[in-house]
PDB file of all heavy atoms in Angstrom:
ATOM      1  N   ARG A   1     -26.183 -34.570  41.902  1.00  0.00           N
ATOM      2  CA  ARG A   1     -25.770 -35.892  41.436  1.00  0.00           C
ATOM      3  C   ARG A   1     -25.434 -35.882  39.950  1.00  0.00           C
ATOM      4  O   ARG A   1     -24.687 -36.731  39.463  1.00  0.00           O
ATOM      5  CB  ARG A   1     -26.877 -36.920  41.712  1.00  0.00           C
ATOM      6  CG  ARG A   1     -27.039 -37.308  43.179  1.00  0.00           C
ATOM      7  CD  ARG A   1     -28.186 -38.285  43.349  1.00  0.00           C
ATOM      8  NE  ARG A   1     -29.459 -37.593  43.180  1.00  0.00           N
ATOM      9  CZ  ARG A   1     -30.166 -37.080  44.185  1.00  0.00           C
ATOM     10  NH1 ARG A   1     -29.736 -37.204  45.424  1.00  0.00           N
ATOM     11  NH2 ARG A   1     -31.289 -36.462  43.958  1.00  0.00           N
ATOM     12  N   ALA A   2     -26.002 -34.931  39.213  1.00  0.00           N
ATOM     13  CA  ALA A   2     -25.774 -34.846  37.772  1.00  0.00           C
ATOM     14  C   ALA A   2     -24.361 -34.324  37.495  1.00  0.00           C
ATOM     15  O   ALA A   2     -23.831 -33.493  38.239  1.00  0.00           O
ATOM     16  CB  ALA A   2     -26.807 -33.926  37.133  1.00  0.00           C
ATOM     17  N   ASP A   3     -23.776 -34.807  36.424  1.00  0.00           N
ATOM     18  CA  ASP A   3     -22.418 -34.429  36.035  1.00  0.00           C
ATOM     19  C   ASP A   3     -22.490 -33.281  35.020  1.00  0.00           C
ATOM     20  O   ASP A   3     -22.662 -33.497  33.820  1.00  0.00           O
ATOM     21  CB  ASP A   3     -21.686 -35.624  35.429  1.00  0.00           C
ATOM     22  CG  ASP A   3     -20.201 -35.369  35.225  1.00  0.00           C
ATOM     23  OD1 ASP A   3     -19.811 -34.203  35.050  1.00  0.00           O
ATOM     24  OD2 ASP A   3     -19.425 -36.348  35.211  1.00  0.00           O
ATOM     25  N   ILE A   4     -22.372 -32.062  35.533  1.00  0.00           N
ATOM     26  CA  ILE A   4     -22.518 -30.888  34.674  1.00  0.00           C
ATOM     27  C   ILE A   4     -21.383 -30.791  33.664  1.00  0.00           C
ATOM     28  O   ILE A   4     -21.592 -30.473  32.488  1.00  0.00           O
ATOM     29  CB  ILE A   4     -22.592 -29.607  35.532  1.00  0.00           C
ATOM     30  CG1 ILE A   4     -23.871 -29.615  36.374  1.00  0.00           C
ATOM     31  CG2 ILE A   4     -22.541 -28.363  34.659  1.00  0.00           C
ATOM     32  CD1 ILE A   4     -24.009 -28.426  37.299  1.00  0.00           C
ATOM     33  N   THR A   5     -20.171 -31.099  34.093  1.00  0.00           N
ATOM     34  CA  THR A   5     -19.014 -30.993  33.200  1.00  0.00           C
ATOM     35  C   THR A   5     -19.140 -31.941  32.015  1.00  0.00           C
ATOM     36  O   THR A   5     -18.924 -31.556  30.857  1.00  0.00           O
ATOM     37  CB  THR A   5     -17.713 -31.289  33.967  1.00  0.00           C
ATOM     38  OG1 THR A   5     -17.582 -30.352  35.044  1.00  0.00           O
ATOM     39  CG2 THR A   5     -16.513 -31.184  33.039  1.00  0.00           C
ATOM     40  N   ALA A   6     -19.498 -33.195  32.287  1.00  0.00           N
ATOM     41  CA  ALA A   6     -19.655 -34.175  31.212  1.00  0.00           C
ATOM     42  C   ALA A   6     -20.816 -33.799  30.293  1.00  0.00           C
ATOM     43  O   ALA A   6     -20.745 -34.000  29.079  1.00  0.00           O
ATOM     44  CB  ALA A   6     -19.872 -35.565  31.798  1.00  0.00           C
ATOM     45  N   THR A   7     -21.873 -33.242  30.879  1.00  0.00           N
ATOM     46  CA  THR A   7     -23.025 -32.831  30.071  1.00  0.00           C
ATOM     47  C   THR A   7     -22.645 -31.697  29.130  1.00  0.00           C
ATOM     48  O   THR A   7     -22.996 -31.711  27.934  1.00  0.00           O
ATOM     49  CB  THR A   7     -24.187 -32.403  30.981  1.00  0.00           C
ATOM     50  OG1 THR A   7     -24.529 -33.479  31.870  1.00  0.00           O
ATOM     51  CG2 THR A   7     -25.402 -32.029  30.165  1.00  0.00           C
ATOM     52  N   LYS A   8     -21.934 -30.711  29.646  1.00  0.00           N
ATOM     53  CA  LYS A   8     -21.481 -29.605  28.803  1.00  0.00           C
ATOM     54  C   LYS A   8     -20.619 -30.109  27.656  1.00  0.00           C
ATOM     55  O   LYS A   8     -20.744 -29.661  26.502  1.00  0.00           O
ATOM     56  CB  LYS A   8     -20.676 -28.603  29.642  1.00  0.00           C
ATOM     57  CG  LYS A   8     -21.495 -27.711  30.548  1.00  0.00           C
ATOM     58  CD  LYS A   8     -20.579 -26.759  31.301  1.00  0.00           C
ATOM     59  CE  LYS A   8     -21.357 -25.812  32.194  1.00  0.00           C
ATOM     60  NZ  LYS A   8     -20.472 -24.905  32.967  1.00  0.00           N
ATOM     61  N   ARG A   9     -19.725 -31.033  27.969  1.00  0.00           N
ATOM     62  CA  ARG A   9     -18.819 -31.552  26.941  1.00  0.00           C
ATOM     63  C   ARG A   9     -19.589 -32.228  25.810  1.00  0.00           C
ATOM     64  O   ARG A   9     -19.326 -31.972  24.629  1.00  0.00           O
ATOM     65  CB  ARG A   9     -17.832 -32.536  27.586  1.00  0.00           C
ATOM     66  CG  ARG A   9     -16.902 -33.215  26.581  1.00  0.00           C
ATOM     67  CD  ARG A   9     -15.932 -34.178  27.272  1.00  0.00           C
ATOM     68  NE  ARG A   9     -15.177 -34.920  26.284  1.00  0.00           N
ATOM     69  CZ  ARG A   9     -15.582 -36.052  25.707  1.00  0.00           C
ATOM     70  NH1 ARG A   9     -16.761 -36.564  26.061  1.00  0.00           N
ATOM     71  NH2 ARG A   9     -14.861 -36.675  24.809  1.00  0.00           N
ATOM     72  N   LEU A  10     -20.553 -33.081  26.177  1.00  0.00           N
ATOM     73  CA  LEU A  10     -21.299 -33.793  25.145  1.00  0.00           C
ATOM     74  C   LEU A  10     -22.217 -32.856  24.357  1.00  0.00           C
ATOM     75  O   LEU A  10     -22.394 -33.021  23.155  1.00  0.00           O
ATOM     76  CB  LEU A  10     -22.101 -34.931  25.764  1.00  0.00           C
ATOM     77  CG  LEU A  10     -21.376 -36.273  25.812  1.00  0.00           C
ATOM     78  CD1 LEU A  10     -22.231 -37.334  26.473  1.00  0.00           C
ATOM     79  CD2 LEU A  10     -20.987 -36.731  24.410  1.00  0.00           C
ATOM     80  N   LEU A  11     -22.794 -31.883  25.032  1.00  0.00           N
ATOM     81  CA  LEU A  11     -23.617 -30.922  24.301  1.00  0.00           C
ATOM     82  C   LEU A  11     -22.787 -30.165  23.275  1.00  0.00           C
ATOM     83  O   LEU A  11     -23.237 -29.898  22.157  1.00  0.00           O
ATOM     84  CB  LEU A  11     -24.287 -29.942  25.267  1.00  0.00           C
ATOM     85  CG  LEU A  11     -25.533 -30.446  25.994  1.00  0.00           C
ATOM     86  CD1 LEU A  11     -26.011 -29.407  27.004  1.00  0.00           C
ATOM     87  CD2 LEU A  11     -26.644 -30.771  25.000  1.00  0.00           C
ATOM     88  N   SER A  12     -21.565 -29.822  23.639  1.00  0.00           N
ATOM     89  CA  SER A  12     -20.689 -29.120  22.714  1.00  0.00           C
ATOM     90  C   SER A  12     -20.326 -29.986  21.517  1.00  0.00           C
ATOM     91  O   SER A  12     -20.137 -29.492  20.407  1.00  0.00           O
ATOM     92  CB  SER A  12     -19.410 -28.670  23.440  1.00  0.00           C
ATOM     93  OG  SER A  12     -18.640 -27.828  22.612  1.00  0.00           O
ATOM     94  N   ILE A  13     -20.248 -31.297  21.739  1.00  0.00           N
ATOM     95  CA  ILE A  13     -19.958 -32.224  20.643  1.00  0.00           C
ATOM     96  C   ILE A  13     -21.183 -32.430  19.759  1.00  0.00           C
ATOM     97  O   ILE A  13     -21.088 -32.443  18.525  1.00  0.00           O
ATOM     98  CB  ILE A  13     -19.491 -33.586  21.211  1.00  0.00           C
ATOM     99  CG1 ILE A  13     -18.117 -33.437  21.879  1.00  0.00           C
ATOM    100  CG2 ILE A  13     -19.433 -34.656  20.116  1.00  0.00           C
ATOM    101  CD1 ILE A  13     -17.683 -34.672  22.659  1.00  0.00           C
ATOM    102  N   LEU A  14     -22.351 -32.571  20.369  1.00  0.00           N
ATOM    103  CA  LEU A  14     -23.546 -32.981  19.631  1.00  0.00           C
ATOM    104  C   LEU A  14     -24.326 -31.831  19.011  1.00  0.00           C
ATOM    105  O   LEU A  14     -25.002 -32.023  17.994  1.00  0.00           O
ATOM    106  CB  LEU A  14     -24.467 -33.774  20.573  1.00  0.00           C
ATOM    107  CG  LEU A  14     -23.909 -35.106  21.076  1.00  0.00           C
ATOM    108  CD1 LEU A  14     -24.787 -35.675  22.185  1.00  0.00           C
ATOM    109  CD2 LEU A  14     -23.788 -36.106  19.940  1.00  0.00           C
ATOM    110  N   GLN A  15     -24.273 -30.656  19.605  1.00  0.00           N
ATOM    111  CA  GLN A  15     -24.983 -29.522  19.020  1.00  0.00           C
ATOM    112  C   GLN A  15     -24.163 -28.914  17.892  1.00  0.00           C
ATOM    113  O   GLN A  15     -22.936 -28.950  17.897  1.00  0.00           O
ATOM    114  CB  GLN A  15     -25.285 -28.449  20.073  1.00  0.00           C
ATOM    115  CG  GLN A  15     -26.282 -28.880  21.128  1.00  0.00           C
ATOM    116  CD  GLN A  15     -27.253 -27.785  21.507  1.00  0.00           C
ATOM    117  OE1 GLN A  15     -28.285 -27.622  20.890  1.00  0.00           O
ATOM    118  NE2 GLN A  15     -26.912 -27.044  22.555  1.00  0.00           N
ATOM    119  N   THR A  16     -24.844 -28.345  16.931  1.00  0.00           N
ATOM    120  CA  THR A  16     -24.169 -27.740  15.793  1.00  0.00           C
ATOM    121  C   THR A  16     -23.177 -26.663  16.237  1.00  0.00           C
ATOM    122  O   THR A  16     -23.410 -25.954  17.226  1.00  0.00           O
ATOM    123  CB  THR A  16     -25.189 -27.124  14.820  1.00  0.00           C
ATOM    124  OG1 THR A  16     -24.474 -26.452  13.762  1.00  0.00           O
ATOM    125  CG2 THR A  16     -26.100 -26.123  15.517  1.00  0.00           C
ATOM    126  N   SER A  17     -22.083 -26.547  15.487  1.00  0.00           N
ATOM    127  CA  SER A  17     -21.102 -25.492  15.774  1.00  0.00           C
ATOM    128  C   SER A  17     -21.544 -24.161  15.187  1.00  0.00           C
ATOM    129  O   SER A  17     -20.861 -23.149  15.357  1.00  0.00           O
ATOM    130  CB  SER A  17     -19.732 -25.887  15.200  1.00  0.00           C
ATOM    131  OG  SER A  17     -19.816 -26.076  13.800  1.00  0.00           O
ATOM    132  N   SER A  18     -22.675 -24.152  14.481  1.00  0.00           N
ATOM    133  CA  SER A  18     -23.237 -22.913  13.926  1.00  0.00           C
ATOM    134  C   SER A  18     -24.663 -22.737  14.428  1.00  0.00           C
ATOM    135  O   SER A  18     -25.626 -22.837  13.668  1.00  0.00           O
ATOM    136  CB  SER A  18     -23.217 -22.964  12.389  1.00  0.00           C
ATOM    137  OG  SER A  18     -21.921 -23.131  11.895  1.00  0.00           O
ATOM    138  N   PRO A  19     -24.818 -22.493  15.726  1.00  0.00           N
ATOM    139  CA  PRO A  19     -26.163 -22.410  16.291  1.00  0.00           C
ATOM    140  C   PRO A  19     -26.949 -21.226  15.730  1.00  0.00           C
ATOM    141  O   PRO A  19     -26.395 -20.151  15.482  1.00  0.00           O
ATOM    142  CB  PRO A  19     -25.908 -22.239  17.791  1.00  0.00           C
ATOM    143  CG  PRO A  19     -24.546 -21.652  17.886  1.00  0.00           C
ATOM    144  CD  PRO A  19     -23.774 -22.237  16.745  1.00  0.00           C
ATOM    145  N   SER A  20     -28.241 -21.454  15.530  1.00  0.00           N
ATOM    146  CA  SER A  20     -29.105 -20.428  14.952  1.00  0.00           C
ATOM    147  C   SER A  20     -29.465 -19.365  15.984  1.00  0.00           C
ATOM    148  O   SER A  20     -30.080 -19.661  17.009  1.00  0.00           O
ATOM    149  CB  SER A  20     -30.381 -21.076  14.415  1.00  0.00           C
ATOM    150  OG  SER A  20     -31.350 -20.096  14.116  1.00  0.00           O
ATOM    151  N   TYR A  21     -29.117 -18.137  15.699  1.00  0.00           N
ATOM    152  CA  TYR A  21     -29.497 -17.037  16.578  1.00  0.00           C
ATOM    153  C   TYR A  21     -30.980 -16.708  16.435  1.00  0.00           C
ATOM    154  O   TYR A  21     -31.566 -16.095  17.328  1.00  0.00           O
ATOM    155  CB  TYR A  21     -28.620 -15.814  16.313  1.00  0.00           C
ATOM    156  CG  TYR A  21     -27.309 -15.890  17.061  1.00  0.00           C
ATOM    157  CD1 TYR A  21     -26.268 -16.698  16.598  1.00  0.00           C
ATOM    158  CD2 TYR A  21     -27.122 -15.207  18.251  1.00  0.00           C
ATOM    159  CE1 TYR A  21     -25.076 -16.802  17.291  1.00  0.00           C
ATOM    160  CE2 TYR A  21     -25.938 -15.297  18.961  1.00  0.00           C
ATOM    161  CZ  TYR A  21     -24.919 -16.101  18.475  1.00  0.00           C
ATOM    162  OH  TYR A  21     -23.746 -16.206  19.182  1.00  0.00           O
ATOM    163  N   VAL A  22     -31.589 -17.106  15.336  1.00  0.00           N
ATOM    164  CA  VAL A  22     -33.039 -16.966  15.213  1.00  0.00           C
ATOM    165  C   VAL A  22     -33.723 -17.841  16.262  1.00  0.00           C
ATOM    166  O   VAL A  22     -34.625 -17.401  16.971  1.00  0.00           O
ATOM    167  CB  VAL A  22     -33.504 -17.357  13.798  1.00  0.00           C
ATOM    168  CG1 VAL A  22     -35.027 -17.272  13.692  1.00  0.00           C
ATOM    169  CG2 VAL A  22     -32.855 -16.461  12.746  1.00  0.00           C
ATOM    170  N   LEU A  23     -33.254 -19.089  16.379  1.00  0.00           N
ATOM    171  CA  LEU A  23     -33.833 -19.996  17.376  1.00  0.00           C
ATOM    172  C   LEU A  23     -33.537 -19.519  18.798  1.00  0.00           C
ATOM    173  O   LEU A  23     -34.412 -19.556  19.672  1.00  0.00           O
ATOM    174  CB  LEU A  23     -33.308 -21.411  17.174  1.00  0.00           C
ATOM    175  CG  LEU A  23     -33.701 -22.096  15.859  1.00  0.00           C
ATOM    176  CD1 LEU A  23     -33.089 -23.483  15.774  1.00  0.00           C
ATOM    177  CD2 LEU A  23     -35.210 -22.175  15.705  1.00  0.00           C
ATOM    178  N   MET A  24     -32.308 -19.087  19.036  1.00  0.00           N
ATOM    179  CA  MET A  24     -31.971 -18.626  20.384  1.00  0.00           C
ATOM    180  C   MET A  24     -32.733 -17.361  20.751  1.00  0.00           C
ATOM    181  O   MET A  24     -33.120 -17.170  21.912  1.00  0.00           O
ATOM    182  CB  MET A  24     -30.457 -18.442  20.501  1.00  0.00           C
ATOM    183  CG  MET A  24     -29.705 -19.766  20.458  1.00  0.00           C
ATOM    184  SD  MET A  24     -27.942 -19.659  20.828  1.00  0.00           S
ATOM    185  CE  MET A  24     -27.313 -18.866  19.346  1.00  0.00           C
ATOM    186  N   SER A  25     -32.997 -16.497  19.777  1.00  0.00           N
ATOM    187  CA  SER A  25     -33.828 -15.316  20.032  1.00  0.00           C
ATOM    188  C   SER A  25     -35.244 -15.737  20.409  1.00  0.00           C
ATOM    189  O   SER A  25     -35.879 -15.131  21.274  1.00  0.00           O
ATOM    190  CB  SER A  25     -33.875 -14.419  18.783  1.00  0.00           C
ATOM    191  OG  SER A  25     -32.619 -13.874  18.497  1.00  0.00           O
ATOM    192  N   SER A  26     -35.729 -16.792  19.752  1.00  0.00           N
ATOM    193  CA  SER A  26     -37.066 -17.282  20.050  1.00  0.00           C
ATOM    194  C   SER A  26     -37.146 -17.830  21.479  1.00  0.00           C
ATOM    195  O   SER A  26     -38.130 -17.606  22.188  1.00  0.00           O
ATOM    196  CB  SER A  26     -37.445 -18.370  19.037  1.00  0.00           C
ATOM    197  OG  SER A  26     -38.724 -18.894  19.319  1.00  0.00           O
ATOM    198  N   ILE A  27     -36.108 -18.554  21.900  1.00  0.00           N
ATOM    199  CA  ILE A  27     -36.062 -19.052  23.283  1.00  0.00           C
ATOM    200  C   ILE A  27     -36.075 -17.883  24.265  1.00  0.00           C
ATOM    201  O   ILE A  27     -36.816 -17.881  25.260  1.00  0.00           O
ATOM    202  CB  ILE A  27     -34.816 -19.929  23.502  1.00  0.00           C
ATOM    203  CG1 ILE A  27     -34.924 -21.224  22.689  1.00  0.00           C
ATOM    204  CG2 ILE A  27     -34.634 -20.250  24.993  1.00  0.00           C
ATOM    205  CD1 ILE A  27     -33.663 -22.072  22.715  1.00  0.00           C
ATOM    206  N   ASP A  28     -35.262 -16.889  23.996  1.00  0.00           N
ATOM    207  CA  ASP A  28     -35.165 -15.731  24.883  1.00  0.00           C
ATOM    208  C   ASP A  28     -36.513 -15.022  25.003  1.00  0.00           C
ATOM    209  O   ASP A  28     -36.958 -14.677  26.102  1.00  0.00           O
ATOM    210  CB  ASP A  28     -34.095 -14.775  24.354  1.00  0.00           C
ATOM    211  CG  ASP A  28     -33.814 -13.635  25.312  1.00  0.00           C
ATOM    212  OD1 ASP A  28     -33.409 -13.902  26.454  1.00  0.00           O
ATOM    213  OD2 ASP A  28     -34.002 -12.462  24.915  1.00  0.00           O
ATOM    214  N   TYR A  29     -37.174 -14.847  23.862  1.00  0.00           N
ATOM    215  CA  TYR A  29     -38.470 -14.164  23.851  1.00  0.00           C
ATOM    216  C   TYR A  29     -39.505 -14.969  24.637  1.00  0.00           C
ATOM    217  O   TYR A  29     -40.283 -14.404  25.422  1.00  0.00           O
ATOM    218  CB  TYR A  29     -38.935 -13.973  22.405  1.00  0.00           C
ATOM    219  CG  TYR A  29     -40.166 -13.111  22.267  1.00  0.00           C
ATOM    220  CD1 TYR A  29     -40.067 -11.721  22.268  1.00  0.00           C
ATOM    221  CD2 TYR A  29     -41.423 -13.680  22.130  1.00  0.00           C
ATOM    222  CE1 TYR A  29     -41.194 -10.928  22.140  1.00  0.00           C
ATOM    223  CE2 TYR A  29     -42.550 -12.905  22.004  1.00  0.00           C
ATOM    224  CZ  TYR A  29     -42.436 -11.520  22.013  1.00  0.00           C
ATOM    225  OH  TYR A  29     -43.557 -10.746  21.890  1.00  0.00           O
ATOM    226  N   CYS A  30     -39.498 -16.293  24.456  1.00  0.00           N
ATOM    227  CA  CYS A  30     -40.435 -17.161  25.164  1.00  0.00           C
ATOM    228  C   CYS A  30     -40.226 -17.072  26.672  1.00  0.00           C
ATOM    229  O   CYS A  30     -41.188 -16.933  27.446  1.00  0.00           O
ATOM    230  CB  CYS A  30     -40.263 -18.598  24.676  1.00  0.00           C
ATOM    231  SG  CYS A  30     -41.278 -19.818  25.542  1.00  0.00           S
ATOM    232  N   LEU A  31     -38.981 -17.151  27.105  1.00  0.00           N
ATOM    233  CA  LEU A  31     -38.687 -17.102  28.540  1.00  0.00           C
ATOM    234  C   LEU A  31     -39.088 -15.772  29.149  1.00  0.00           C
ATOM    235  O   LEU A  31     -39.635 -15.716  30.260  1.00  0.00           O
ATOM    236  CB  LEU A  31     -37.196 -17.364  28.771  1.00  0.00           C
ATOM    237  CG  LEU A  31     -36.691 -18.760  28.416  1.00  0.00           C
ATOM    238  CD1 LEU A  31     -35.170 -18.821  28.559  1.00  0.00           C
ATOM    239  CD2 LEU A  31     -37.353 -19.824  29.291  1.00  0.00           C
TER     240      LEU A  31
END
């Protein structure tokens, strides 16, 4: 029921265009 396409679009608008790889590395390590 969720609209994945619309969600992706808004995330791309709202999240920084310079995402931190330090933070993403931390997510990866946690998972």
